[in-house]
N, C-alpha and C. Protein backbone atom coordinates (compact mmCIF):
# COMPACT_ATOMS: atom_id res chain seq x y z
N UNK A 1 16.05 -7.74 -6.57
CA UNK A 1 15.40 -6.89 -5.64
C UNK A 1 14.05 -6.32 -6.22
N UNK A 2 14.12 -6.04 -7.52
CA UNK A 2 12.82 -5.65 -8.12
C UNK A 2 11.81 -6.78 -8.08
N UNK A 3 12.27 -8.12 -8.04
CA UNK A 3 11.21 -9.15 -8.11
C UNK A 3 10.72 -9.10 -6.59
N UNK A 4 11.49 -9.09 -5.76
CA UNK A 4 10.91 -8.99 -4.31
C UNK A 4 9.89 -7.81 -4.14
N UNK A 5 10.22 -6.67 -4.52
CA UNK A 5 9.34 -5.67 -4.52
C UNK A 5 8.04 -5.84 -5.27
N UNK A 6 8.13 -6.40 -6.35
CA UNK A 6 6.97 -6.81 -7.13
C UNK A 6 6.08 -7.90 -6.38
N UNK A 7 6.77 -8.76 -5.72
CA UNK A 7 5.88 -9.82 -4.96
C UNK A 7 5.36 -9.13 -3.69
N UNK A 8 6.04 -8.26 -3.09
CA UNK A 8 5.41 -7.84 -1.90
C UNK A 8 4.36 -6.70 -2.40
N UNK A 9 4.44 -6.09 -3.45
CA UNK A 9 3.19 -5.31 -4.03
C UNK A 9 2.09 -6.17 -4.23
N UNK A 10 2.29 -7.38 -4.71
CA UNK A 10 1.18 -8.43 -4.69
C UNK A 10 0.53 -8.81 -3.38
N UNK A 11 1.34 -8.87 -2.34
CA UNK A 11 0.90 -9.16 -0.87
C UNK A 11 0.17 -7.93 -0.38
N UNK A 12 0.63 -6.67 -0.78
CA UNK A 12 0.02 -5.46 -0.36
C UNK A 12 -1.60 -5.51 -1.08
N UNK A 13 -1.54 -5.78 -2.39
CA UNK A 13 -2.76 -5.86 -3.02
C UNK A 13 -4.02 -6.87 -2.35
N UNK A 14 -3.25 -8.20 -1.91
CA UNK A 14 -3.98 -9.12 -1.21
C UNK A 14 -4.56 -8.48 0.22
N UNK A 15 -3.74 -7.58 0.73
CA UNK A 15 -4.12 -7.18 2.02
C UNK A 15 -5.33 -6.00 1.76
N UNK A 16 -5.19 -5.29 0.83
CA UNK A 16 -6.34 -4.41 0.46
C UNK A 16 -7.64 -5.20 0.04
N UNK A 17 -7.36 -6.36 -0.62
CA UNK A 17 -8.62 -7.18 -0.90
C UNK A 17 -9.32 -7.63 0.25
N UNK A 18 -8.61 -7.68 1.48
CA UNK A 18 -9.31 -8.13 2.81
C UNK A 18 -9.56 -6.98 3.52
N UNK A 19 -9.22 -5.73 3.33
CA UNK A 19 -9.60 -4.62 4.11
C UNK A 19 -10.13 -3.44 3.26
N UNK A 20 -10.95 -3.78 2.48
CA UNK A 20 -11.93 -2.65 1.80
C UNK A 20 -10.98 -1.72 0.79
N UNK A 21 -9.92 -2.06 0.36
CA UNK A 21 -9.10 -1.24 -0.56
C UNK A 21 -8.17 -0.12 0.24
N UNK A 22 -8.14 -0.22 1.59
CA UNK A 22 -7.35 0.99 2.20
C UNK A 22 -6.78 0.43 3.64
N UNK A 23 -5.91 1.18 4.02
CA UNK A 23 -5.34 0.95 5.53
C UNK A 23 -4.40 2.18 5.78
N UNK A 24 -4.03 2.11 7.07
CA UNK A 24 -2.96 3.05 7.48
C UNK A 24 -1.64 2.22 7.27
N UNK A 25 -0.57 3.22 7.09
CA UNK A 25 0.75 2.48 6.67
C UNK A 25 1.11 1.40 7.80
N UNK A 26 1.07 1.84 8.92
CA UNK A 26 1.53 0.80 10.04
C UNK A 26 0.73 -0.55 10.06
N UNK A 27 -0.53 -0.50 9.86
CA UNK A 27 -1.37 -1.66 9.68
C UNK A 27 -1.06 -2.54 8.42
N UNK A 28 -0.64 -1.81 7.23
CA UNK A 28 -0.46 -2.60 6.21
C UNK A 28 1.07 -3.27 6.45
N UNK A 29 2.11 -2.51 6.78
CA UNK A 29 3.33 -3.17 7.25
C UNK A 29 3.23 -4.23 8.11
N UNK A 30 2.34 -4.30 9.16
CA UNK A 30 2.21 -5.29 9.95
C UNK A 30 1.28 -6.48 9.34
N UNK A 31 0.34 -6.01 8.59
CA UNK A 31 -0.54 -7.19 7.85
C UNK A 31 0.16 -7.86 6.96
N UNK A 32 1.18 -7.25 6.12
CA UNK A 32 1.71 -7.95 5.06
C UNK A 32 2.85 -8.88 5.75
N UNK A 33 3.39 -8.65 6.74
CA UNK A 33 4.42 -9.34 7.50
C UNK A 33 5.87 -9.37 6.77
N UNK A 34 6.07 -8.32 5.92
CA UNK A 34 7.40 -8.35 5.32
C UNK A 34 8.18 -7.23 6.04
N UNK A 35 9.51 -7.03 5.60
CA UNK A 35 10.40 -6.04 6.14
C UNK A 35 9.81 -4.52 5.82
N UNK A 36 9.75 -3.76 6.75
CA UNK A 36 9.20 -2.43 6.49
C UNK A 36 9.81 -1.72 5.26
N UNK A 37 11.05 -1.73 5.20
CA UNK A 37 11.71 -0.99 3.94
C UNK A 37 11.14 -1.63 2.86
N UNK A 38 11.00 -2.98 2.62
CA UNK A 38 10.70 -3.65 1.32
C UNK A 38 9.08 -3.14 1.16
N UNK A 39 8.17 -3.10 2.27
CA UNK A 39 6.75 -2.73 2.01
C UNK A 39 6.67 -1.31 1.55
N UNK A 40 7.59 -0.49 2.13
CA UNK A 40 7.65 1.02 1.65
C UNK A 40 8.04 1.10 0.47
N UNK A 41 9.00 0.43 -0.07
CA UNK A 41 9.47 0.38 -1.47
C UNK A 41 8.23 -0.02 -2.41
N UNK A 42 7.53 -1.03 -2.05
CA UNK A 42 6.53 -1.72 -2.91
C UNK A 42 5.29 -0.77 -2.84
N UNK A 43 5.04 0.03 -1.78
CA UNK A 43 3.97 0.80 -1.85
C UNK A 43 4.32 2.22 -2.78
N UNK A 44 5.69 2.65 -2.82
CA UNK A 44 6.13 3.56 -3.67
C UNK A 44 5.86 3.08 -5.12
N UNK A 45 6.15 1.86 -5.41
CA UNK A 45 6.12 1.39 -6.73
C UNK A 45 4.55 1.45 -7.26
N UNK A 46 3.66 0.87 -6.34
CA UNK A 46 2.47 0.95 -6.54
C UNK A 46 1.85 2.28 -6.79
N UNK A 47 2.40 3.31 -6.07
CA UNK A 47 1.93 4.76 -6.19
C UNK A 47 2.50 5.38 -7.32
N UNK A 48 3.65 4.97 -7.89
CA UNK A 48 4.12 5.49 -9.11
C UNK A 48 3.47 5.00 -10.25
N UNK A 49 2.83 3.67 -10.08
CA UNK A 49 2.23 3.22 -11.18
C UNK A 49 0.74 3.62 -11.23
N UNK A 50 0.45 4.37 -10.28
CA UNK A 50 -0.90 4.97 -10.18
C UNK A 50 -1.87 3.94 -9.66
N UNK A 51 -1.58 2.96 -8.97
CA UNK A 51 -2.50 1.89 -8.26
C UNK A 51 -2.99 2.33 -6.97
N UNK A 52 -2.15 3.15 -6.39
CA UNK A 52 -2.48 3.54 -4.92
C UNK A 52 -2.38 5.01 -4.68
N UNK A 53 -3.12 5.47 -3.73
CA UNK A 53 -2.88 6.99 -3.38
C UNK A 53 -2.61 7.13 -2.01
N UNK A 54 -1.64 7.83 -1.66
CA UNK A 54 -1.29 8.11 -0.19
C UNK A 54 -1.77 9.49 0.26
N UNK A 55 -2.33 9.42 1.55
CA UNK A 55 -2.95 10.67 2.16
C UNK A 55 -2.37 10.77 3.53
N UNK A 56 -2.21 11.96 4.00
CA UNK A 56 -1.83 12.17 5.40
C UNK A 56 -3.28 12.15 6.29
N UNK A 57 -3.27 11.12 7.26
CA UNK A 57 -4.36 11.19 8.17
C UNK A 57 -3.95 11.50 9.51
N UNK A 58 -3.63 12.94 9.68
CA UNK A 58 -3.04 13.35 10.96
C UNK A 58 -1.79 12.76 11.09
N UNK A 59 -1.49 11.94 12.03
CA UNK A 59 -0.19 11.55 12.40
C UNK A 59 0.34 10.33 11.75
N UNK A 60 -0.62 9.87 10.79
CA UNK A 60 -0.23 8.71 9.99
C UNK A 60 -0.61 8.79 8.63
N UNK A 61 -0.03 7.95 7.75
CA UNK A 61 -0.42 7.95 6.35
C UNK A 61 -1.44 6.84 6.00
N UNK A 62 -2.46 7.17 5.09
CA UNK A 62 -3.39 6.34 4.74
C UNK A 62 -3.01 6.00 3.16
N UNK A 63 -3.24 4.72 2.84
CA UNK A 63 -2.84 4.08 1.52
C UNK A 63 -4.14 3.58 1.10
N UNK A 64 -4.68 3.91 -0.30
CA UNK A 64 -5.99 3.51 -0.62
C UNK A 64 -5.71 3.19 -2.04
N UNK A 65 -6.32 2.16 -2.59
CA UNK A 65 -6.41 1.92 -4.01
C UNK A 65 -6.98 3.03 -4.63
N UNK A 66 -6.42 3.24 -5.94
CA UNK A 66 -6.74 4.46 -6.70
C UNK A 66 -8.18 4.45 -7.03
N UNK A 67 -8.72 3.16 -7.23
CA UNK A 67 -10.15 3.09 -7.72
C UNK A 67 -10.94 3.43 -6.81
N UNK A 68 -10.61 3.39 -5.33
CA UNK A 68 -11.35 3.68 -4.14
C UNK A 68 -11.49 5.19 -3.82
N UNK A 69 -10.64 5.79 -4.43
CA UNK A 69 -10.56 7.43 -4.02
C UNK A 69 -11.56 7.96 -4.92
N UNK A 70 -12.51 8.80 -4.30
CA UNK A 70 -13.40 9.60 -5.19
C UNK A 70 -12.76 10.73 -5.83
N UNK A 71 -12.92 10.93 -7.09
CA UNK A 71 -12.39 12.00 -7.76
C UNK A 71 -13.39 13.23 -8.00
N UNK A 72 -12.93 14.36 -7.89
CA UNK A 72 -13.89 15.65 -8.11
C UNK A 72 -13.59 16.14 -9.40
């Protein structure tokens, strides 16, 4: 299972390459084309490793590459 999560994390990274390093959660799930649970686990892994940051954008979550987030 860890291998699958890692492969989908790579798919998410490729999605970010095509979408300016960010996207809302539903678009990422749809764009990657994998099972929702697997995409969520992969985003969690990327977040835990510090590669992505999740924020709440009203009624949805936004996921951004960590280097795309401005730090104050």
